[in-house]
């Protein structure tokens, strides 16, 4: 299971870079609040977040404050 954020394309990748840095900052804030460990990686305009605890996905879905960038929880 993982969370995928769809990063914007265009502007020579600058929009994706900005969005990625904003998401990383917000993910760090979210981790400070809820304490779940996670890893991230980027593949073709998608930022993927994987949590070590399966319960984190429920907490994430209920408490994620950012709604401007489309995201979804995917079952592997």
Protein backbone atom coordinates (compact mmCIF):
# COMPACT_ATOMS: atom_id res chain seq x y z
CA UNK A 1 0.00 0.00 0.00
CA UNK A 2 1.19 3.54 -0.68
CA UNK A 3 0.01 7.11 -1.23
CA UNK A 4 0.55 8.73 -4.63
CA UNK A 5 0.61 12.46 -5.23
CA UNK A 6 0.22 13.57 -8.85
CA UNK A 7 2.79 16.30 -9.47
CA UNK A 8 2.10 18.99 -12.09
CA UNK A 9 3.92 18.74 -15.40
CA UNK A 10 5.18 21.58 -17.53
CA UNK A 11 7.47 24.56 -16.99
CA UNK A 12 10.51 22.37 -17.53
CA UNK A 13 9.84 20.44 -14.32
CA UNK A 14 9.87 23.55 -12.13
CA UNK A 15 6.21 23.15 -11.13
CA UNK A 16 6.84 19.56 -10.06
CA UNK A 17 9.96 20.57 -8.12
CA UNK A 18 8.07 23.31 -6.27
CA UNK A 19 5.14 21.01 -5.49
CA UNK A 20 7.48 18.27 -4.32
CA UNK A 21 9.28 20.60 -1.92
CA UNK A 22 5.94 21.87 -0.59
CA UNK A 23 4.71 18.30 -0.10
CA UNK A 24 7.90 17.25 1.68
CA UNK A 25 7.51 20.19 4.07
CA UNK A 26 3.86 19.33 4.76
CA UNK A 27 4.68 15.62 5.18
CA UNK A 28 7.32 16.53 7.79
CA UNK A 29 4.73 18.63 9.66
CA UNK A 30 2.23 15.80 9.47
CA UNK A 31 4.84 13.38 10.82
CA UNK A 32 5.57 15.74 13.73
CA UNK A 33 1.87 15.73 14.62
CA UNK A 34 1.13 12.00 14.27
CA UNK A 35 4.53 10.32 14.56
CA UNK A 36 4.27 7.85 11.68
CA UNK A 37 7.50 6.98 9.86
CA UNK A 38 7.47 7.13 6.06
CA UNK A 39 9.69 7.01 2.98
CA UNK A 40 9.21 8.87 -0.29
CA UNK A 41 10.36 8.47 -3.87
CA UNK A 42 9.54 10.18 -7.16
CA UNK A 43 8.76 8.46 -10.45
CA UNK A 44 7.50 10.30 -13.52
CA UNK A 45 5.53 13.15 -11.94
CA UNK A 46 4.34 11.07 -8.99
CA UNK A 47 5.53 11.40 -5.42
CA UNK A 48 5.03 8.08 -3.65
CA UNK A 49 4.79 7.85 0.15
CA UNK A 50 5.06 4.51 1.95
CA UNK A 51 4.38 4.15 5.66
CA UNK A 52 5.94 1.49 7.86
CA UNK A 53 2.72 1.19 9.89
CA UNK A 54 -0.42 0.10 8.01
CA UNK A 55 -2.63 2.16 10.36
CA UNK A 56 -0.93 5.34 9.13
CA UNK A 57 -2.90 5.21 5.86
CA UNK A 58 -6.20 5.65 7.71
CA UNK A 59 -4.79 8.50 9.80
CA UNK A 60 -3.40 10.06 6.67
CA UNK A 61 -6.70 9.90 4.78
CA UNK A 62 -8.55 11.48 7.70
CA UNK A 63 -6.05 14.18 8.59
CA UNK A 64 -4.07 15.26 5.51
CA UNK A 65 -4.48 19.06 5.30
CA UNK A 66 -3.37 19.63 1.69
CA UNK A 67 -6.09 19.34 -0.94
CA UNK A 68 -4.57 21.31 -3.84
CA UNK A 69 -2.51 18.40 -5.19
CA UNK A 70 -4.42 15.29 -6.16
CA UNK A 71 -3.54 12.19 -4.18
CA UNK A 72 -4.81 8.66 -3.74
CA UNK A 73 -4.13 5.63 -1.61
CA UNK A 74 -3.14 2.68 -3.80
CA UNK A 75 -3.16 -0.98 -2.86
CA UNK A 76 -0.09 -2.76 -4.25
